[in-house]
C-alpha cells in the first residue's frame, strides 16, 4: 500500500482543497399561509386532547394497545374509509374519532423512537401547537 500525499482524501487521489463543497443552508422559501385554511374543529381538538390525557405516562406498548383497541372499535372507521373522506369533520362526530386515531398513531410513533413514557409537556408537536396558538 502506498501512503496518500498530505491533504488527499484516502483512496481517491483528490486533495481536499480540489473538491468543491456547496455551502450548506437550511433556509427554504416558505409559501404564504392560506388565509382561508381552517384549523381543527372543536370536536377534533377535544379528541386529540382526550387521547393526550389518556396517553400521559404510557410506554410504547401500552399506547400501541390503546390505539389498536380504538381502531378495532365498531364505530371506528377503517383506514380505507378515512382515506375516502374529503373532510373528516363531515362525519357524525365532527371528526373526533378520526382525530383520536391520528393522535394515537402519532404518539405511538413518537414513543417508538425512545424508551420513555409519553409526557404531554415534553411532546414537541404539542409544544408547537401551544406556541402557534
N, C-alpha and C. Protein backbone atom coordinates (compact mmCIF):
# COMPACT_ATOMS: atom_id res chain seq x y z
N UNK A 1 0.83 -1.17 0.00
CA UNK A 1 0.00 0.00 0.00
C UNK A 1 0.88 1.24 0.00
N UNK A 2 0.42 2.20 -0.73
CA UNK A 2 1.16 3.45 -0.75
C UNK A 2 0.44 4.46 0.10
N UNK A 3 1.21 5.31 0.69
CA UNK A 3 0.62 6.35 1.52
C UNK A 3 0.08 7.46 0.64
N UNK A 4 -1.04 8.01 1.04
CA UNK A 4 -1.65 9.13 0.31
C UNK A 4 -0.84 10.39 0.62
N UNK A 5 -0.68 11.26 -0.37
CA UNK A 5 0.01 12.53 -0.08
C UNK A 5 -0.80 13.34 0.94
N UNK A 6 -0.14 14.19 1.71
CA UNK A 6 -0.86 15.01 2.69
C UNK A 6 -1.94 15.84 2.00
N UNK A 7 -3.10 15.98 2.66
CA UNK A 7 -4.19 16.77 2.11
C UNK A 7 -5.01 16.04 1.06
N UNK A 8 -4.81 14.72 0.94
CA UNK A 8 -5.52 13.93 -0.06
C UNK A 8 -6.56 13.07 0.64
N UNK A 9 -7.73 13.00 0.05
CA UNK A 9 -8.77 12.14 0.60
C UNK A 9 -8.34 10.70 0.43
N UNK A 10 -8.43 9.88 1.46
CA UNK A 10 -7.97 8.49 1.38
C UNK A 10 -8.64 7.73 0.24
N UNK A 11 -7.81 7.10 -0.60
CA UNK A 11 -8.32 6.23 -1.66
C UNK A 11 -8.86 6.95 -2.87
N UNK A 12 -8.79 8.25 -2.91
CA UNK A 12 -9.38 8.97 -4.03
C UNK A 12 -8.37 9.75 -4.86
N UNK A 13 -7.22 10.05 -4.31
CA UNK A 13 -6.21 10.78 -5.05
C UNK A 13 -6.62 12.21 -5.37
N UNK A 14 -7.63 12.71 -4.69
CA UNK A 14 -8.09 14.08 -4.89
C UNK A 14 -7.82 14.83 -3.61
N UNK A 15 -7.16 15.94 -3.70
CA UNK A 15 -6.88 16.69 -2.48
C UNK A 15 -8.17 17.33 -1.99
N UNK A 16 -8.22 17.51 -0.70
CA UNK A 16 -9.42 18.11 -0.11
C UNK A 16 -9.61 19.53 -0.60
N UNK A 17 -8.52 20.20 -0.98
CA UNK A 17 -8.65 21.55 -1.49
C UNK A 17 -9.26 21.57 -2.89
N UNK A 18 -9.20 20.47 -3.64
CA UNK A 18 -9.72 20.40 -5.01
C UNK A 18 -11.22 20.15 -5.06
N UNK A 19 -11.79 19.61 -4.00
CA UNK A 19 -13.22 19.29 -4.00
C UNK A 19 -14.05 20.54 -3.78
N UNK A 20 -15.04 20.72 -4.61
CA UNK A 20 -15.96 21.85 -4.42
C UNK A 20 -17.07 21.39 -3.49
N UNK A 21 -17.21 22.04 -2.38
CA UNK A 21 -18.24 21.70 -1.41
C UNK A 21 -19.26 22.83 -1.42
N UNK A 22 -20.50 22.51 -1.79
CA UNK A 22 -21.51 23.58 -1.82
C UNK A 22 -21.79 24.07 -0.41
N UNK A 23 -22.07 25.35 -0.27
CA UNK A 23 -22.39 25.86 1.07
C UNK A 23 -23.70 25.25 1.56
N UNK A 24 -23.76 25.01 2.85
CA UNK A 24 -24.97 24.43 3.44
C UNK A 24 -25.90 25.55 3.88
N UNK A 25 -27.17 25.36 3.63
CA UNK A 25 -28.17 26.29 4.13
C UNK A 25 -29.45 25.54 4.39
N UNK A 26 -30.09 25.90 5.45
CA UNK A 26 -31.36 25.28 5.79
C UNK A 26 -32.53 26.20 5.49
N UNK A 27 -32.22 27.36 4.95
CA UNK A 27 -33.28 28.30 4.63
C UNK A 27 -34.03 27.83 3.40
N UNK A 28 -35.31 27.73 3.54
CA UNK A 28 -36.17 27.32 2.43
C UNK A 28 -37.23 28.39 2.24
N UNK A 29 -37.55 28.71 1.01
CA UNK A 29 -38.63 29.68 0.82
C UNK A 29 -39.95 29.07 1.29
N UNK A 30 -40.68 29.83 2.05
CA UNK A 30 -41.96 29.35 2.56
C UNK A 30 -43.08 30.04 1.81
N UNK A 31 -44.07 29.27 1.47
CA UNK A 31 -45.23 29.87 0.82
C UNK A 31 -46.04 30.62 1.86
N UNK A 32 -46.80 31.56 1.39
CA UNK A 32 -47.67 32.33 2.29
C UNK A 32 -48.77 31.41 2.82
N UNK A 33 -49.11 31.53 4.10
CA UNK A 33 -50.19 30.70 4.64
C UNK A 33 -51.51 31.01 3.95
N UNK A 34 -52.30 30.00 3.81
CA UNK A 34 -53.62 30.14 3.19
C UNK A 34 -54.54 30.81 4.21
N UNK A 35 -54.98 32.01 3.87
CA UNK A 35 -55.82 32.77 4.80
C UNK A 35 -57.16 32.09 5.06
N UNK A 36 -57.60 31.27 4.12
CA UNK A 36 -58.90 30.61 4.27
C UNK A 36 -58.78 29.22 4.90
N UNK A 37 -57.56 28.78 5.16
CA UNK A 37 -57.37 27.45 5.75
C UNK A 37 -57.94 27.44 7.16
N UNK A 38 -58.70 26.42 7.44
CA UNK A 38 -59.30 26.29 8.76
C UNK A 38 -58.47 25.33 9.59
N UNK A 39 -58.43 25.59 10.87
CA UNK A 39 -57.74 24.70 11.78
C UNK A 39 -58.66 23.56 12.15
N UNK A 40 -58.25 22.79 13.13
CA UNK A 40 -59.10 21.68 13.56
C UNK A 40 -60.39 22.19 14.19
N UNK A 41 -61.43 21.38 14.08
CA UNK A 41 -62.71 21.72 14.69
C UNK A 41 -62.62 21.51 16.19
N UNK A 42 -63.62 21.97 16.90
CA UNK A 42 -63.67 21.78 18.35
C UNK A 42 -63.70 20.29 18.68
N UNK A 43 -64.43 19.51 17.88
CA UNK A 43 -64.51 18.06 18.12
C UNK A 43 -63.15 17.40 17.90
N UNK A 44 -62.43 17.84 16.88
CA UNK A 44 -61.11 17.27 16.61
C UNK A 44 -60.13 17.63 17.72
N UNK A 45 -60.16 18.88 18.17
CA UNK A 45 -59.29 19.30 19.29
C UNK A 45 -59.62 18.50 20.55
N UNK A 46 -60.91 18.32 20.82
CA UNK A 46 -61.32 17.57 22.02
C UNK A 46 -60.83 16.13 21.94
N UNK A 47 -60.91 15.53 20.77
CA UNK A 47 -60.45 14.16 20.60
C UNK A 47 -58.96 14.03 20.84
N UNK A 48 -58.17 14.94 20.28
CA UNK A 48 -56.71 14.90 20.47
C UNK A 48 -56.35 15.12 21.94
N UNK A 49 -57.02 16.07 22.58
CA UNK A 49 -56.73 16.35 23.99
C UNK A 49 -57.09 15.16 24.88
N UNK A 50 -58.20 14.48 24.56
CA UNK A 50 -58.59 13.30 25.34
C UNK A 50 -57.54 12.19 25.22
N UNK A 51 -57.04 12.00 24.01
CA UNK A 51 -56.01 10.97 23.80
C UNK A 51 -54.75 11.33 24.58
N UNK A 52 -54.36 12.58 24.55
CA UNK A 52 -53.15 13.00 25.27
C UNK A 52 -53.29 12.77 26.77
N UNK A 53 -54.47 13.04 27.31
CA UNK A 53 -54.69 12.78 28.75
C UNK A 53 -54.57 11.28 29.04
N UNK A 54 -55.16 10.47 28.17
CA UNK A 54 -55.10 9.01 28.37
C UNK A 54 -53.68 8.49 28.22
N UNK A 55 -52.93 9.05 27.29
CA UNK A 55 -51.58 8.55 26.98
C UNK A 55 -50.54 8.98 28.01
N UNK A 56 -50.84 9.99 28.82
CA UNK A 56 -49.88 10.50 29.79
C UNK A 56 -49.31 9.37 30.64
N UNK A 57 -48.00 9.21 30.62
CA UNK A 57 -47.32 8.19 31.41
C UNK A 57 -47.24 6.81 30.76
N UNK A 58 -47.87 6.62 29.60
CA UNK A 58 -47.84 5.32 28.92
C UNK A 58 -46.51 5.12 28.18
N UNK A 59 -46.08 3.87 28.14
CA UNK A 59 -44.96 3.49 27.31
C UNK A 59 -45.46 3.12 25.91
N UNK A 60 -44.53 2.77 25.05
CA UNK A 60 -44.86 2.46 23.66
C UNK A 60 -45.89 1.34 23.54
N UNK A 61 -45.66 0.23 24.24
CA UNK A 61 -46.55 -0.93 24.11
C UNK A 61 -47.96 -0.63 24.63
N UNK A 62 -48.04 0.10 25.72
CA UNK A 62 -49.36 0.47 26.24
C UNK A 62 -50.11 1.36 25.26
N UNK A 63 -49.41 2.34 24.70
CA UNK A 63 -50.04 3.24 23.73
C UNK A 63 -50.46 2.50 22.47
N UNK A 64 -49.63 1.56 22.03
CA UNK A 64 -49.96 0.78 20.83
C UNK A 64 -51.21 -0.06 21.07
N UNK A 65 -51.33 -0.64 22.28
CA UNK A 65 -52.54 -1.41 22.61
C UNK A 65 -53.78 -0.52 22.62
N UNK A 66 -53.66 0.67 23.19
CA UNK A 66 -54.78 1.60 23.23
C UNK A 66 -55.19 2.00 21.82
N UNK A 67 -54.21 2.24 20.96
CA UNK A 67 -54.51 2.58 19.56
C UNK A 67 -55.23 1.43 18.87
N UNK A 68 -54.73 0.20 19.04
CA UNK A 68 -55.36 -0.96 18.39
C UNK A 68 -56.78 -1.19 18.90
N UNK A 69 -56.99 -0.98 20.21
CA UNK A 69 -58.35 -1.13 20.77
C UNK A 69 -59.31 -0.12 20.14
N UNK A 70 -58.87 1.11 20.03
CA UNK A 70 -59.73 2.14 19.46
C UNK A 70 -59.98 1.87 17.98
N UNK A 71 -58.94 1.47 17.26
CA UNK A 71 -59.08 1.20 15.82
C UNK A 71 -60.02 0.03 15.57
N UNK A 72 -60.07 -0.93 16.52
CA UNK A 72 -60.92 -2.11 16.36
C UNK A 72 -62.36 -1.88 16.84
N UNK A 73 -62.62 -0.75 17.45
CA UNK A 73 -63.97 -0.47 17.95
C UNK A 73 -64.95 -0.43 16.77
N UNK A 74 -66.16 -0.93 16.98
CA UNK A 74 -67.13 -0.99 15.88
C UNK A 74 -67.46 0.36 15.25
N UNK A 75 -67.36 1.43 16.03
CA UNK A 75 -67.70 2.75 15.47
C UNK A 75 -66.48 3.50 14.91
N UNK A 76 -65.32 2.83 14.87
CA UNK A 76 -64.13 3.44 14.28
C UNK A 76 -64.08 3.17 12.78
N UNK A 77 -63.77 4.19 11.99
CA UNK A 77 -63.66 3.98 10.55
C UNK A 77 -62.39 3.19 10.23
N UNK A 78 -62.44 2.45 9.13
CA UNK A 78 -61.24 1.74 8.68
C UNK A 78 -60.30 2.74 8.02
N UNK A 79 -59.06 2.33 7.78
CA UNK A 79 -58.11 3.20 7.08
C UNK A 79 -58.64 3.60 5.71
N UNK A 80 -59.26 2.66 5.01
CA UNK A 80 -59.81 2.96 3.69
C UNK A 80 -60.93 3.99 3.78
N UNK A 81 -61.78 3.86 4.79
CA UNK A 81 -62.86 4.83 4.96
C UNK A 81 -62.31 6.22 5.27
N UNK A 82 -61.26 6.27 6.08
CA UNK A 82 -60.64 7.56 6.39
C UNK A 82 -60.03 8.17 5.13
N UNK A 83 -59.37 7.34 4.33
CA UNK A 83 -58.76 7.83 3.09
C UNK A 83 -59.79 8.39 2.12
N UNK A 84 -60.99 7.85 2.15
CA UNK A 84 -62.04 8.29 1.23
C UNK A 84 -62.74 9.58 1.68
N UNK A 85 -62.52 9.98 2.93
CA UNK A 85 -63.18 11.18 3.44
C UNK A 85 -62.58 12.43 2.82
N UNK A 86 -63.43 13.31 2.31
CA UNK A 86 -62.95 14.60 1.83
C UNK A 86 -62.61 15.50 3.02
N UNK A 87 -63.45 15.44 4.03
CA UNK A 87 -63.28 16.27 5.22
C UNK A 87 -63.75 15.46 6.42
N UNK A 88 -62.80 15.02 7.27
CA UNK A 88 -63.20 14.21 8.43
C UNK A 88 -64.23 14.88 9.33
N UNK A 89 -64.29 16.21 9.31
CA UNK A 89 -65.26 16.89 10.17
C UNK A 89 -66.68 16.72 9.67
N UNK A 90 -66.85 16.14 8.47
CA UNK A 90 -68.19 15.85 7.95
C UNK A 90 -68.79 14.58 8.54
N UNK A 91 -68.03 13.87 9.36
CA UNK A 91 -68.55 12.65 9.98
C UNK A 91 -69.53 13.03 11.08
N UNK A 92 -70.40 12.10 11.49
CA UNK A 92 -71.40 12.43 12.52
C UNK A 92 -70.81 12.98 13.82
N UNK A 93 -69.58 12.57 14.16
CA UNK A 93 -68.97 13.06 15.41
C UNK A 93 -68.09 14.29 15.20
N UNK A 94 -68.18 14.89 14.02
CA UNK A 94 -67.41 16.10 13.74
C UNK A 94 -65.92 15.86 13.53
N UNK A 95 -65.54 14.61 13.30
CA UNK A 95 -64.14 14.27 13.06
C UNK A 95 -63.38 13.86 14.30
N UNK A 96 -64.08 13.76 15.42
CA UNK A 96 -63.40 13.43 16.67
C UNK A 96 -62.70 12.06 16.61
N UNK A 97 -63.40 11.02 16.14
CA UNK A 97 -62.79 9.68 16.15
C UNK A 97 -61.58 9.63 15.22
N UNK A 98 -61.67 10.24 14.07
CA UNK A 98 -60.53 10.25 13.14
C UNK A 98 -59.35 10.98 13.79
N UNK A 99 -59.63 12.07 14.48
CA UNK A 99 -58.57 12.81 15.17
C UNK A 99 -57.96 11.98 16.30
N UNK A 100 -58.80 11.24 17.02
CA UNK A 100 -58.29 10.37 18.09
C UNK A 100 -57.36 9.30 17.52
N UNK A 101 -57.79 8.67 16.45
CA UNK A 101 -56.95 7.64 15.83
C UNK A 101 -55.63 8.23 15.34
N UNK A 102 -55.69 9.38 14.71
CA UNK A 102 -54.48 10.02 14.22
C UNK A 102 -53.54 10.39 15.36
N UNK A 103 -54.10 10.86 16.47
CA UNK A 103 -53.27 11.25 17.61
C UNK A 103 -52.63 10.03 18.27
N UNK A 104 -53.39 8.94 18.43
CA UNK A 104 -52.79 7.72 18.97
C UNK A 104 -51.66 7.24 18.06
N UNK A 105 -51.91 7.27 16.77
CA UNK A 105 -50.89 6.81 15.83
C UNK A 105 -49.62 7.67 15.93
N UNK A 106 -49.79 8.98 16.04
CA UNK A 106 -48.64 9.88 16.17
C UNK A 106 -47.88 9.63 17.47
N UNK A 107 -48.61 9.44 18.57
CA UNK A 107 -47.97 9.19 19.86
C UNK A 107 -47.23 7.86 19.86
N UNK A 108 -47.85 6.83 19.30
CA UNK A 108 -47.19 5.52 19.22
C UNK A 108 -45.89 5.63 18.42
N UNK A 109 -45.94 6.35 17.31
CA UNK A 109 -44.73 6.52 16.51
C UNK A 109 -43.67 7.29 17.29
N UNK A 110 -44.08 8.33 18.00
CA UNK A 110 -43.13 9.11 18.79
C UNK A 110 -42.49 8.24 19.87
N UNK A 111 -43.29 7.42 20.55
CA UNK A 111 -42.76 6.57 21.61
C UNK A 111 -41.86 5.46 21.08
N UNK A 112 -42.03 5.10 19.81
CA UNK A 112 -41.17 4.05 19.24
C UNK A 112 -39.74 4.55 19.06
N UNK A 113 -39.56 5.86 19.13
CA UNK A 113 -38.24 6.44 18.91
C UNK A 113 -37.42 6.59 20.18
N UNK A 114 -38.05 6.40 21.34
CA UNK A 114 -37.30 6.46 22.59
C UNK A 114 -37.93 5.51 23.60
N UNK A 115 -37.19 5.25 24.65
CA UNK A 115 -37.62 4.22 25.61
C UNK A 115 -38.42 4.79 26.78
N UNK A 116 -38.81 6.03 26.71
CA UNK A 116 -39.51 6.63 27.83
C UNK A 116 -41.01 6.48 27.77
N UNK A 117 -41.67 7.28 28.54
CA UNK A 117 -43.12 7.32 28.57
C UNK A 117 -43.60 8.63 27.97
N UNK A 118 -44.86 8.66 27.60
CA UNK A 118 -45.42 9.86 26.98
C UNK A 118 -45.63 10.93 28.03
N UNK A 119 -45.20 12.14 27.70
CA UNK A 119 -45.41 13.30 28.57
C UNK A 119 -45.86 14.44 27.68
N UNK A 120 -47.10 14.86 27.87
CA UNK A 120 -47.67 15.91 27.03
C UNK A 120 -46.84 17.19 27.11
N UNK A 121 -46.24 17.47 28.25
CA UNK A 121 -45.47 18.70 28.41
C UNK A 121 -44.13 18.68 27.67
N UNK A 122 -43.66 17.51 27.28
CA UNK A 122 -42.41 17.46 26.51
C UNK A 122 -42.65 16.99 25.07
N UNK A 123 -43.88 16.89 24.66
CA UNK A 123 -44.22 16.48 23.29
C UNK A 123 -43.97 17.66 22.36
N UNK A 124 -43.02 17.51 21.41
CA UNK A 124 -42.70 18.63 20.51
C UNK A 124 -43.88 19.11 19.67
N UNK A 125 -44.75 18.20 19.28
CA UNK A 125 -45.93 18.57 18.49
C UNK A 125 -46.86 19.46 19.30
N UNK A 126 -47.08 19.07 20.55
CA UNK A 126 -47.95 19.85 21.43
C UNK A 126 -47.32 21.21 21.71
N UNK A 127 -46.00 21.22 21.92
CA UNK A 127 -45.32 22.49 22.17
C UNK A 127 -45.45 23.42 20.98
N UNK A 128 -45.38 22.87 19.76
CA UNK A 128 -45.58 23.67 18.56
C UNK A 128 -46.97 24.23 18.48
N UNK A 129 -47.97 23.40 18.83
CA UNK A 129 -49.35 23.88 18.84
C UNK A 129 -49.54 25.02 19.83
N UNK A 130 -48.95 24.85 21.00
CA UNK A 130 -49.08 25.88 22.06
C UNK A 130 -48.42 27.19 21.61
N UNK A 131 -47.26 27.07 20.98
CA UNK A 131 -46.56 28.27 20.54
C UNK A 131 -47.32 28.98 19.42
N UNK A 132 -47.97 28.20 18.57
CA UNK A 132 -48.72 28.78 17.44
C UNK A 132 -50.04 29.37 17.89
N UNK A 133 -50.59 28.84 18.98
CA UNK A 133 -51.93 29.25 19.40
C UNK A 133 -51.91 30.40 20.29
